Protein backbone atom coordinates (compact mmCIF):
# COMPACT_ATOMS: atom_id res chain seq x y z
CA MET A 1 -0.28 -0.30 0.33
CA GLY A 2 2.88 1.67 0.11
CA GLU A 3 3.08 3.11 -3.45
CA VAL A 4 -0.79 3.42 -3.83
CA ARG A 5 -2.39 7.17 -4.28
CA PRO A 6 -5.68 8.51 -5.17
CA GLY A 7 -6.63 7.86 -8.65
CA ALA A 8 -5.24 4.03 -8.59
CA ARG A 9 -7.27 1.40 -9.88
CA LEU A 10 -7.62 -1.35 -7.36
CA PHE A 11 -10.20 -4.54 -7.39
CA ASP A 12 -12.73 -4.68 -4.77
CA GLU A 13 -14.19 -7.48 -3.06
CA THR A 14 -16.64 -8.88 -6.15
CA GLY A 15 -12.98 -8.33 -8.49
CA ALA A 16 -14.89 -5.54 -10.18
CA PRO A 17 -12.20 -2.24 -10.48
CA CYS A 18 -12.78 0.56 -8.01
CA THR A 19 -10.79 3.81 -7.42
CA VAL A 20 -8.40 5.01 -4.70
CA THR A 21 -10.32 8.77 -3.92
CA ALA A 22 -7.85 8.81 -0.31
CA VAL A 23 -5.36 8.11 1.29
CA HIS A 24 -4.02 8.86 4.62
CA GLU A 25 -0.24 8.28 6.09
CA VAL A 26 1.76 5.56 7.40
CA GLN A 27 1.05 4.32 11.33
CA PHE A 28 3.77 2.99 13.28
CA GLY A 29 3.92 0.96 15.81
CA ARG A 30 0.22 -0.15 15.84
CA PRO A 31 -0.82 -3.67 17.10
CA CYS A 32 -0.87 -6.47 14.25
CA TYR A 33 -2.05 -9.87 13.20
CA ARG A 34 -1.58 -12.14 10.38
CA VAL A 35 -5.44 -12.93 9.87
CA VAL A 36 -5.62 -17.01 7.66
CA PHE A 37 -8.43 -18.07 5.89
CA ASP A 38 -9.39 -21.97 5.42
CA ASP A 39 -7.64 -22.28 1.63
CA GLY A 40 -4.38 -21.55 3.37
CA SER A 41 -4.15 -17.99 2.44
CA ALA A 42 -3.21 -15.21 5.20
CA ILE A 43 -2.77 -11.24 4.84
CA VAL A 44 -1.16 -9.03 7.82
CA ALA A 45 -3.63 -6.36 8.85
CA ASP A 46 -3.48 -4.12 12.49
CA ALA A 47 -6.02 -4.46 15.30
CA GLY A 48 -8.13 -1.56 13.34
CA HIS A 49 -8.17 -2.78 10.08
CA LEU A 50 -11.74 -3.05 9.25
CA TRP A 51 -13.41 -5.95 7.15
CA ARG A 52 -17.02 -6.86 5.53
CA THR A 53 -17.93 -10.07 7.36
CA THR A 54 -20.21 -12.69 6.96
CA ALA A 55 -20.88 -13.85 11.03
CA ARG A 56 -22.77 -16.89 11.96
CA ALA A 57 -23.92 -15.13 15.24
CA THR A 58 -24.95 -11.66 13.78
CA GLY A 59 -24.94 -11.74 10.23
CA PRO A 60 -22.98 -8.95 7.64
CA ALA A 61 -21.30 -6.73 9.63
CA THR A 62 -18.42 -4.42 9.07
CA VAL A 63 -16.27 -5.85 11.99
CA THR A 64 -12.20 -4.62 12.80
CA THR A 65 -9.45 -7.51 13.48
CA ASP A 66 -9.79 -7.16 17.11
CA GLU A 67 -13.66 -8.21 16.42
CA ILE A 68 -12.89 -11.02 14.95
CA ARG A 69 -9.98 -12.31 16.79
CA ALA A 70 -12.80 -11.86 20.30
CA THR A 71 -15.49 -13.47 17.99
CA LEU A 72 -13.48 -16.31 16.01
CA THR A 73 -15.70 -19.12 16.46
CA HIS A 74 -19.38 -19.60 17.38
CA GLY A 75 -21.63 -22.60 18.88
CA PRO A 76 -20.53 -25.31 21.22
CA ARG A 77 -18.37 -27.39 17.95
CA GLY A 78 -16.14 -24.04 17.98
CA ASP A 79 -17.53 -23.62 13.92
CA PHE A 80 -15.53 -20.19 12.58
CA ASN A 81 -18.10 -17.67 12.82
CA HIS A 82 -16.49 -15.42 10.28
CA SER A 83 -16.25 -15.63 6.83
CA ILE A 84 -15.68 -12.88 3.44
CA ASP A 85 -16.98 -13.28 0.40
CA GLY A 86 -14.50 -12.79 -2.90
CA PRO A 87 -15.33 -12.56 -6.04
CA GLY A 88 -17.62 -14.74 -7.92
CA ASP A 89 -18.77 -17.83 -5.69
CA LEU A 90 -15.58 -17.60 -3.54
CA CYS A 91 -16.22 -17.71 0.27
CA ARG A 92 -13.71 -18.00 2.39
CA ALA A 93 -13.59 -18.36 6.55
CA ILE A 94 -11.51 -17.29 9.00
CA VAL A 95 -9.60 -19.60 11.27
CA ALA A 96 -7.56 -17.64 12.98
CA VAL A 97 -6.47 -14.34 13.83
CA GLU A 98 -2.25 -14.76 14.93
CA PRO A 99 -0.20 -11.63 16.73
CA VAL A 100 2.55 -11.06 14.75
CA ALA A 101 5.60 -7.63 15.07
CA SER A 102 4.40 -4.58 14.51
CA VAL A 103 4.75 -3.77 10.62
CA PRO A 104 3.93 -0.17 8.84
CA VAL A 105 -0.29 0.56 8.01
CA ARG A 106 -1.77 2.85 6.17
CA CYS A 107 -5.55 3.50 5.73
CA ILE A 108 -6.81 3.95 2.14
CA VAL A 109 -10.29 5.16 1.07
CA VAL A 110 -12.12 3.63 -2.12
CA ASP A 111 -14.86 4.84 -3.77
CA SER A 112 -18.22 3.61 -1.86
CA PRO A 113 -21.86 5.43 -1.42
CA SER A 114 -20.87 6.45 2.43
CA HIS A 115 -18.49 6.66 4.87
CA LEU A 116 -19.72 7.05 8.56
CA PHE A 117 -17.05 7.41 11.11
CA LEU A 118 -18.23 7.06 14.52
CA ALA A 119 -15.68 8.53 17.09
CA GLY A 120 -16.01 8.85 21.17
CA ARG A 121 -16.26 13.29 21.90
CA PHE A 122 -13.23 13.63 22.82
CA MET A 123 -11.79 13.11 19.48
CA VAL A 124 -13.17 15.99 18.03
CA PRO A 125 -11.72 17.71 16.62
CA THR A 126 -7.97 16.38 16.62
CA HIS A 127 -9.38 13.59 15.01
CA ASN A 128 -13.32 13.29 14.07
CA SER A 129 -13.27 16.01 12.60
CA ARG A 130 -9.76 15.93 10.64
CA ALA A 131 -10.99 12.80 9.18
CA GLY A 132 -13.74 14.47 7.22
CA ALA A 133 -11.38 17.68 6.51
CA GLU A 134 -8.70 15.63 5.10
CA TRP A 135 -11.02 13.94 3.14
CA VAL A 136 -12.85 17.16 1.62
CA ILE A 137 -9.14 18.70 0.80
CA LYS A 138 -8.46 15.62 -0.97
CA THR A 139 -11.76 15.40 -2.57
CA ALA A 140 -11.62 18.61 -3.89
CA ARG A 141 -8.47 18.51 -5.07
CA ASN A 142 -8.89 15.02 -6.90
CA ASN A 143 -12.01 16.14 -8.31
CA PRO A 144 -11.57 19.58 -9.42
CA GLY A 145 -14.48 22.16 -10.11
CA CYS A 146 -16.05 19.67 -7.69
CA ARG A 147 -19.20 21.58 -5.18
CA ILE A 148 -19.10 20.29 -1.36
CA ALA A 149 -21.49 20.80 0.94
CA MET A 150 -20.64 20.64 4.20
CA VAL A 151 -22.97 20.77 7.13
CA ALA A 152 -23.03 21.30 11.14
CA ARG A 153 -25.13 21.38 13.60
CA THR A 154 -25.45 25.56 14.05
CA ALA A 155 -23.38 27.98 11.96
CA ALA A 156 -20.98 28.28 14.45
CA ASP A 157 -19.84 24.55 14.24
CA VAL A 158 -19.40 25.35 10.52
CA ARG A 159 -17.32 28.36 11.16
CA ASP A 160 -14.75 26.73 14.59
CA VAL A 161 -15.00 23.07 14.21
CA MET A 162 -14.90 22.42 10.19
CA ILE A 163 -12.99 25.76 8.96
CA GLU A 164 -11.13 26.71 11.55
CA GLY A 165 -10.41 24.67 14.22
CA ASP A 166 -7.19 23.52 15.23
CA SER A 167 -7.82 20.81 12.56
CA GLY A 168 -10.47 22.47 10.12
CA ILE A 169 -9.61 23.25 6.63
CA MET A 170 -8.06 26.04 6.95
CA ASN A 171 -4.91 24.76 9.33
CA ILE A 172 -4.47 21.52 7.97
CA SER A 173 -4.80 22.85 3.84
CA PRO A 174 -1.12 21.95 2.49
CA ALA A 175 0.74 24.94 1.36
CA ASP A 176 -0.22 24.31 -2.09
CA PHE A 177 -4.15 23.78 -1.99
CA THR A 178 -5.57 26.19 0.57
CA PRO A 179 -8.66 27.73 0.12
CA ARG A 180 -9.90 31.21 -0.34
CA TYR A 181 -12.18 31.28 2.85
CA ARG A 182 -15.36 33.71 1.90
CA PRO A 183 -17.83 33.97 4.92
CA SER A 184 -19.65 36.19 3.62
CA ILE A 185 -21.16 34.25 1.12
CA ARG A 186 -20.40 30.98 3.29
CA ARG A 187 -17.75 29.33 0.78
CA LEU A 188 -14.34 28.42 0.21
CA GLU A 189 -13.02 28.23 -2.56
CA TRP A 190 -10.00 25.93 -4.46
CA PRO A 191 -7.16 26.79 -7.10
CA ASN A 192 -8.48 24.55 -8.99
CA GLY A 193 -12.08 25.83 -9.31
CA SER A 194 -13.41 23.46 -6.38
CA GLN A 195 -15.61 24.72 -3.92
CA ALA A 196 -17.42 24.16 -0.59
CA THR A 197 -20.77 25.60 0.15
CA LEU A 198 -21.37 26.24 4.00
CA PHE A 199 -24.44 25.16 6.03
CA SER A 200 -26.28 25.24 9.19
CA ALA A 201 -28.74 22.30 9.85
CA GLU A 202 -30.57 24.94 11.81
CA GLU A 203 -31.69 25.63 9.12
CA PRO A 204 -32.81 22.29 6.97
CA ASP A 205 -34.67 25.14 3.90
CA ALA A 206 -31.43 26.71 3.04
CA LEU A 207 -30.00 23.36 1.50
CA ARG A 208 -33.30 22.67 -0.18
CA GLY A 209 -32.09 23.81 -4.28
CA PRO A 210 -28.57 23.68 -4.24
CA GLN A 211 -26.67 21.13 -6.11
CA HIS A 212 -23.44 19.06 -4.64
CA HIS A 213 -21.90 16.12 -6.44
CA PHE A 214 -19.67 15.37 -2.36
CA GLY A 215 -20.82 16.23 1.47
CA TRP A 216 -19.31 15.93 4.65
CA LEU A 217 -21.83 16.48 7.62
CA ASP A 218 -20.47 16.85 11.74
CA GLU A 219 -22.35 15.66 14.59
CA ILE A 220 -24.94 14.46 12.87
CA ALA A 221 -26.81 12.66 16.23
CA ALA A 222 -27.00 16.08 17.75
CA TRP A 223 -28.74 17.82 14.91
CA SER A 224 -32.21 19.56 16.54
CA HIS A 225 -33.73 19.38 12.99
CA PRO A 226 -33.23 16.16 11.49
CA GLU A 227 -35.10 17.08 8.54
CA ALA A 228 -31.77 18.91 7.54
CA PHE A 229 -30.22 15.24 6.59
CA GLU A 230 -33.05 14.83 4.02
CA MET A 231 -32.97 18.02 3.13
CA PHE A 232 -29.04 17.69 1.95
CA LEU A 233 -29.49 14.24 0.16
CA PHE A 234 -32.18 15.67 -1.87
CA GLY A 235 -29.33 17.75 -3.52
CA LEU A 236 -26.44 15.42 -3.90
CA ARG A 237 -27.36 14.83 -7.45
CA LEU A 238 -24.19 15.87 -9.04
CA GLY A 239 -21.57 13.35 -11.41
CA THR A 240 -21.44 9.97 -11.44
CA HIS A 241 -21.11 8.80 -8.11
CA PRO A 242 -22.33 10.98 -5.09
CA ARG A 243 -20.91 10.43 -1.92
CA VAL A 244 -20.91 11.83 2.18
CA VAL A 245 -18.16 11.61 4.86
CA ILE A 246 -20.30 11.76 8.13
CA THR A 247 -18.29 12.58 11.40
CA THR A 248 -20.51 11.90 14.47
CA THR A 249 -20.41 11.28 18.08
CA PRO A 250 -22.86 8.34 18.28
CA ARG A 251 -25.87 8.52 19.86
CA PRO A 252 -28.17 6.26 19.02
CA THR A 253 -30.45 8.04 16.96
CA LYS A 254 -33.10 7.57 14.41
CA ILE A 255 -30.35 8.83 11.59
CA ILE A 256 -27.17 6.57 13.57
CA LYS A 257 -29.89 3.37 13.29
CA ASP A 258 -30.61 3.93 9.60
CA LEU A 259 -26.95 4.66 8.60
CA ILE A 260 -25.68 1.61 10.59
CA ALA A 261 -28.11 -0.58 9.36
CA ASP A 262 -27.61 0.57 5.48
CA PRO A 263 -25.53 -1.65 3.21
CA THR A 264 -24.41 0.38 0.99
CA CYS A 265 -22.39 2.68 4.07
CA VAL A 266 -19.41 2.26 5.82
CA THR A 267 -19.09 2.05 9.56
CA VAL A 268 -15.50 3.45 10.97
CA ARG A 269 -15.43 3.84 14.61
CA GLY A 270 -12.91 5.35 16.59
CA SER A 271 -12.17 5.41 20.10
CA THR A 272 -10.65 7.97 22.50
CA TYR A 273 -7.32 5.49 23.85
CA GLU A 274 -6.67 5.49 19.97
CA ASN A 275 -6.26 9.51 19.98
CA ARG A 276 -4.76 9.74 22.81
CA ALA A 277 -1.26 10.41 21.43
CA ASN A 278 -2.86 14.18 20.37
CA LEU A 279 -4.49 14.50 23.45
CA ALA A 280 -2.64 16.32 27.11
CA PRO A 281 -1.67 13.52 29.42
CA ALA A 282 -3.39 15.45 32.34
CA TYR A 283 -7.28 15.99 29.98
CA PHE A 284 -6.74 12.25 29.20
CA SER A 285 -6.69 11.17 32.63
CA GLN A 286 -9.15 13.20 33.78
CA ILE A 287 -11.63 12.08 31.31
CA ILE A 288 -10.84 8.34 31.54
CA ARG A 289 -10.27 8.90 35.75
CA LYS A 290 -14.21 10.05 34.99
CA TYR A 291 -16.00 8.19 33.02
CA GLU A 292 -14.35 5.06 32.20
CA GLY A 293 -16.02 2.31 33.05
CA THR A 294 -19.56 4.19 33.07
CA ARG A 295 -22.28 3.90 30.39
CA LEU A 296 -21.52 7.61 29.13
CA GLY A 297 -18.29 6.62 28.86
CA ARG A 298 -18.60 3.49 26.53
CA GLN A 299 -20.71 6.54 23.77
CA GLU A 300 -18.44 8.95 24.94
CA ILE A 301 -14.77 7.34 24.86
CA ASN A 302 -15.22 3.95 23.12
CA GLY A 303 -17.94 5.26 20.46
CA GLU A 304 -20.51 3.01 20.95
CA ILE A 305 -23.68 3.07 19.69
CA LEU A 306 -26.10 2.32 23.06
CA ASP A 307 -29.59 0.92 24.08
CA ASP A 308 -32.02 2.32 26.64
CA ASN A 309 -30.37 2.00 29.94
CA PRO A 310 -32.78 -0.47 32.01
CA GLY A 311 -35.06 1.67 34.56
CA ALA A 312 -35.17 4.74 32.64
CA LEU A 313 -37.96 6.39 32.85
CA TRP A 314 -38.07 7.47 29.33
CA THR A 315 -37.07 5.37 26.29
CA ARG A 316 -36.18 6.63 22.89
CA ALA A 317 -38.59 4.69 20.30
CA ILE A 318 -41.35 7.06 22.84
CA ILE A 319 -39.09 10.22 22.17
CA ASP A 320 -38.78 9.33 19.12
CA ALA A 321 -42.43 8.28 17.97
CA ASN A 322 -43.91 11.71 19.29
CA ARG A 323 -41.39 13.80 17.56
CA VAL A 324 -42.80 16.66 15.78
CA SER A 325 -41.50 19.18 13.46
CA ALA A 326 -44.27 21.99 13.40
CA LEU A 327 -46.02 23.90 16.35
CA PRO A 328 -50.45 23.91 16.42
CA GLU A 329 -51.64 26.76 18.50
CA LEU A 330 -50.04 27.51 21.91
CA VAL A 331 -52.35 28.87 24.91
CA ARG A 332 -49.25 29.03 27.02
CA ILE A 333 -45.29 28.98 27.30
CA VAL A 334 -43.34 28.00 30.78
CA VAL A 335 -39.60 27.93 31.16
CA GLY A 336 -38.53 25.71 33.88
CA VAL A 337 -35.26 26.02 35.49
CA ASP A 338 -33.41 24.52 37.81
CA PRO A 339 -30.90 26.24 39.38
CA GLU A 340 -27.08 25.45 40.43
CA ALA A 341 -25.38 27.77 42.74
CA SER A 342 -21.51 27.29 42.02
CA SER A 343 -20.55 27.70 38.43
CA GLY A 344 -16.76 25.80 38.53
CA GLU A 345 -15.79 23.29 35.77
CA GLU A 346 -17.04 20.38 38.07
CA SER A 347 -20.49 22.07 39.07
CA ALA A 348 -23.73 21.17 37.46
CA GLU A 349 -25.64 23.09 34.68
CA THR A 350 -28.44 25.54 35.47
CA GLY A 351 -30.91 23.12 33.32
CA ILE A 352 -33.57 25.91 31.37
CA LEU A 353 -36.16 24.14 29.78
CA VAL A 354 -38.79 26.21 26.99
CA VAL A 355 -42.27 24.13 26.83
CA GLY A 356 -45.41 25.12 25.38
CA LEU A 357 -49.10 23.74 25.82
CA GLY A 358 -50.94 23.39 23.05
CA ALA A 359 -54.58 23.85 21.96
CA ASP A 360 -55.04 20.61 21.08
CA GLY A 361 -53.75 19.32 25.16
CA HIS A 362 -50.51 18.89 24.41
CA GLY A 363 -47.32 19.69 25.93
CA TYR A 364 -44.74 21.13 23.25
CA VAL A 365 -40.43 20.98 24.18
CA LEU A 366 -39.70 23.68 22.02
CA ASP A 367 -36.10 24.83 23.02
CA ASP A 368 -32.82 23.74 26.22
CA VAL A 369 -30.59 26.59 26.74
CA THR A 370 -29.83 24.89 29.56
CA ILE A 371 -26.14 27.11 30.56
CA ARG A 372 -23.19 26.35 33.13
CA GLY A 373 -22.51 30.02 34.39
CA THR A 374 -22.48 32.15 37.58
CA PRO A 375 -26.61 32.96 38.70
CA GLY A 376 -26.05 36.16 36.64
CA GLU A 377 -25.73 34.17 33.32
CA TRP A 378 -27.93 31.51 34.12
CA GLY A 379 -30.62 34.40 35.10
CA ALA A 380 -29.89 36.43 31.83
CA GLN A 381 -30.25 33.03 29.58
CA ALA A 382 -33.81 32.40 31.56
CA VAL A 383 -34.95 35.36 31.26
CA SER A 384 -33.88 35.88 27.48
CA ALA A 385 -36.00 32.53 26.88
CA TYR A 386 -38.53 34.04 28.20
CA SER A 387 -38.62 37.17 25.71
CA ARG A 388 -37.52 35.14 22.99
CA TRP A 389 -40.80 32.65 23.63
CA GLU A 390 -42.84 35.68 25.00
CA ALA A 391 -43.65 32.95 27.51
CA ASN A 392 -46.30 33.34 30.28
CA LYS A 393 -44.20 32.42 33.93
CA VAL A 394 -41.15 31.15 34.92
CA VAL A 395 -40.75 28.13 37.44
CA GLY A 396 -38.03 28.03 39.09
CA GLU A 397 -37.01 24.96 41.85
CA VAL A 398 -36.13 26.92 45.19
CA ASN A 399 -34.17 23.96 47.14
CA ASN A 400 -30.80 24.56 45.67
CA GLY A 401 -30.88 28.25 46.18
CA GLY A 402 -33.40 29.24 48.01
CA GLU A 403 -35.19 32.71 47.45
CA MET A 404 -32.09 33.45 45.99
CA VAL A 405 -33.50 32.36 42.10
CA GLY A 406 -36.39 34.76 42.47
CA TYR A 407 -34.25 37.68 42.89
CA VAL A 408 -31.88 36.31 40.20
CA VAL A 409 -34.86 36.57 37.72
CA GLY A 410 -35.89 39.63 39.17
CA THR A 411 -32.45 41.23 38.52
CA CYS A 412 -32.31 40.09 35.18
CA ALA A 413 -35.50 40.79 34.44
CA ASN A 414 -35.04 44.39 35.26
CA ALA A 415 -31.32 44.42 33.93
CA ALA A 416 -33.48 43.90 30.90
CA ASN A 417 -36.16 46.05 31.28
CA VAL A 418 -38.83 42.89 31.28
CA PHE A 419 -41.54 41.87 33.05
CA VAL A 420 -41.66 38.75 34.28
CA PRO A 421 -43.81 36.46 36.18
CA TYR A 422 -42.31 33.94 38.11
CA ARG A 423 -43.18 30.69 39.86
CA ALA A 424 -41.05 29.23 42.98
CA VAL A 425 -41.23 25.52 43.43
CA ARG A 426 -40.05 23.59 46.27
CA ALA A 427 -39.92 19.82 45.97
CA SER A 428 -41.79 18.25 48.77
CA HIS A 429 -41.36 14.67 46.94
CA SER A 430 -38.31 12.43 45.35
CA LYS A 431 -37.13 13.77 42.19
CA GLU A 432 -39.20 9.63 40.96
CA ALA A 433 -42.73 10.79 42.15
CA ARG A 434 -42.47 14.39 40.31
CA ALA A 435 -40.65 12.79 36.82
CA ASP A 436 -43.04 9.55 37.06
CA PRO A 437 -46.47 11.54 35.96
CA VAL A 438 -44.65 13.28 33.22
CA SER A 439 -43.15 10.35 31.88
CA ALA A 440 -46.47 8.68 31.77
CA LEU A 441 -47.66 11.93 29.27
CA TYR A 442 -44.72 10.84 27.21
CA ALA A 443 -45.88 7.24 27.39
CA GLN A 444 -49.68 8.26 26.46
CA GLY A 445 -48.12 10.52 23.10
CA LEU A 446 -49.18 13.59 24.78
CA VAL A 447 -45.57 15.71 25.30
CA HIS A 448 -43.92 16.33 21.79
CA HIS A 449 -40.15 17.40 21.14
CA VAL A 450 -39.99 20.06 18.51
CA GLY A 451 -37.09 18.99 17.00
CA VAL A 452 -34.22 17.16 18.83
CA PHE A 453 -32.81 17.76 21.79
CA ALA A 454 -29.43 15.71 22.09
CA GLU A 455 -28.07 16.48 24.94
CA LEU A 456 -31.98 16.34 27.38
CA GLU A 457 -32.75 13.34 25.42
CA ASP A 458 -29.23 11.48 26.27
CA GLN A 459 -30.18 12.51 30.12
CA MET A 460 -33.68 11.36 29.44
CA THR A 461 -32.56 8.07 28.55
CA GLU A 462 -30.08 7.46 31.03
CA TRP A 463 -30.59 8.37 34.83
CA VAL A 464 -32.25 5.88 36.89
CA PRO A 465 -33.16 6.66 39.95
CA GLY A 466 -32.74 5.59 43.18
CA GLN A 467 -29.00 5.13 41.67
CA GLY A 468 -27.15 8.12 43.21
CA MET A 469 -26.63 9.46 39.47
CA ARG A 470 -25.96 13.03 39.13
CA SER A 471 -29.26 15.54 39.75
CA PRO A 472 -30.49 15.37 35.61
CA ASP A 473 -30.37 19.11 35.76
CA ARG A 474 -31.95 19.08 32.01
CA VAL A 475 -34.75 16.81 33.38
CA ASP A 476 -35.65 18.42 36.16
CA ALA A 477 -36.06 22.28 34.99
CA LEU A 478 -38.27 19.56 32.00
CA VAL A 479 -40.42 18.15 35.08
CA TRP A 480 -41.26 21.49 36.51
CA ALA A 481 -42.12 23.36 33.24
CA ILE A 482 -44.56 20.04 32.36
CA THR A 483 -46.21 19.82 35.90
CA ASP A 484 -47.19 23.63 35.71
CA LEU A 485 -48.40 23.22 32.20
CA MET A 486 -50.52 19.84 32.04
CA LEU A 487 -50.76 18.35 35.66
CA ASP A 488 -53.12 19.06 38.09
CA ILE A 489 -50.26 18.57 41.49
CA GLU A 490 -49.69 20.85 43.44
CA TYR A 491 -46.38 21.15 45.53
CA GLU A 492 -45.06 23.70 47.91
CA ALA A 493 -45.15 27.07 45.99
CA THR A 494 -45.02 30.73 46.19
CA VAL A 495 -46.09 32.69 42.86
CA TYR A 496 -45.18 36.26 42.98
CA ASP A 497 -47.68 38.09 40.98
CA GLU A 498 -44.45 40.81 40.68
CA VAL A 499 -40.77 39.65 40.60
CA PRO A 500 -39.22 40.19 44.29
CA ALA A 501 -36.65 43.21 44.35
CA PRO A 502 -33.74 42.68 42.49
CA LEU A 503 -30.23 42.98 44.18
CA THR A 504 -28.09 45.46 43.80
CA SER A 505 -25.19 43.18 43.50
CA TRP A 506 -23.82 39.93 43.16
């Protein structure tokens, strides 16, 4: 593989010719294995090399050499588990995976309708986003005059991660092929005529109409408007072989599950451990110490796609089934606040959720503007959400912070010259007792998420009452808002007809 270059012609698994579209740097020191087939042939590959096999246990799948080694046999007779189809009727079983001395290895990319990179969150941007950026640069160079769509969760993410980030296109491009960045028209322009247009997934309609040969989509699992992916696909129609690379943290969303199941989609997984050389030792040790061995760590560190947490009050299936993209007439809107008194790196966030009650009697989750910050910062955030959504009131829990919450909201409201009706609620029941009735409303199809709220939905489907988990700030804010709008439950509460007098200083 050392002499392979983009544009070279190879053969795929069926014997048909294919074209190399990208070549990555040679890697040294990787654990390597000799993979032996039942016809006596063998090949040396590294631990992370990807194979498309048919397994007796699970059927067709894309797996690594390590995964083949761990599941080499199946059943009580020890039958060989993995086979690989070749040209014509050739099918070879893998009979051994033997450790060998490390050899230099390199990754190449050949023609394929779709490439999906799944990586733990802490690989972003030094590895995950770089994979996408390098692919875009090489695609632009090898296809003069092509059009590329680059889409991220927000316009700021496009700029800060994909374009100007440490591993963004402007910082890793070779000197002879650095594009011109024209932010006013949302475009990158390369010397050979190739162009990339920049899009935010928050504006799906902007993707309606433009046409492209290729695409790079970043953090698709966190997009608030899943329909942006559909709009992008409608425009991926130029040339004879349009392709897309997707780089994302692997949340178990419908889009991710559909892509994983798509036989035309190639899936590559990476973990924080594989990216260790690019991370500060102290940062790496802190992340591992904090999350290793947890369910969140399996997703964020190891890049696994997790099923629902047994015992959680919500499931992704219910949330997805009730998700909507359009709103009915809303008769009331409240902003729920679960305050955090401190603002350090180890402190929780202040949950701030905006929820509306429709004329149909259903609840609609409209916005999640949760923040980690000082009281002044989260107070301003809550007041801003109240004004932006023209809400009827702010509802805040006072168990943690007492009357401070009302004064914070009052001070920030007065600073913004806004009148904010405020209801202070004091929890007299456990979190589970408060959340159970809200969970039941979801199960009855009476609460809908307007778009995707990735962090909130992670918390809803991961938090298990009574297991000593960290207080679910977003869920608490959600529960207070929905309870106020939809449930005839009385908690100890103080309702201010007027906002409390503001504090003169913090």
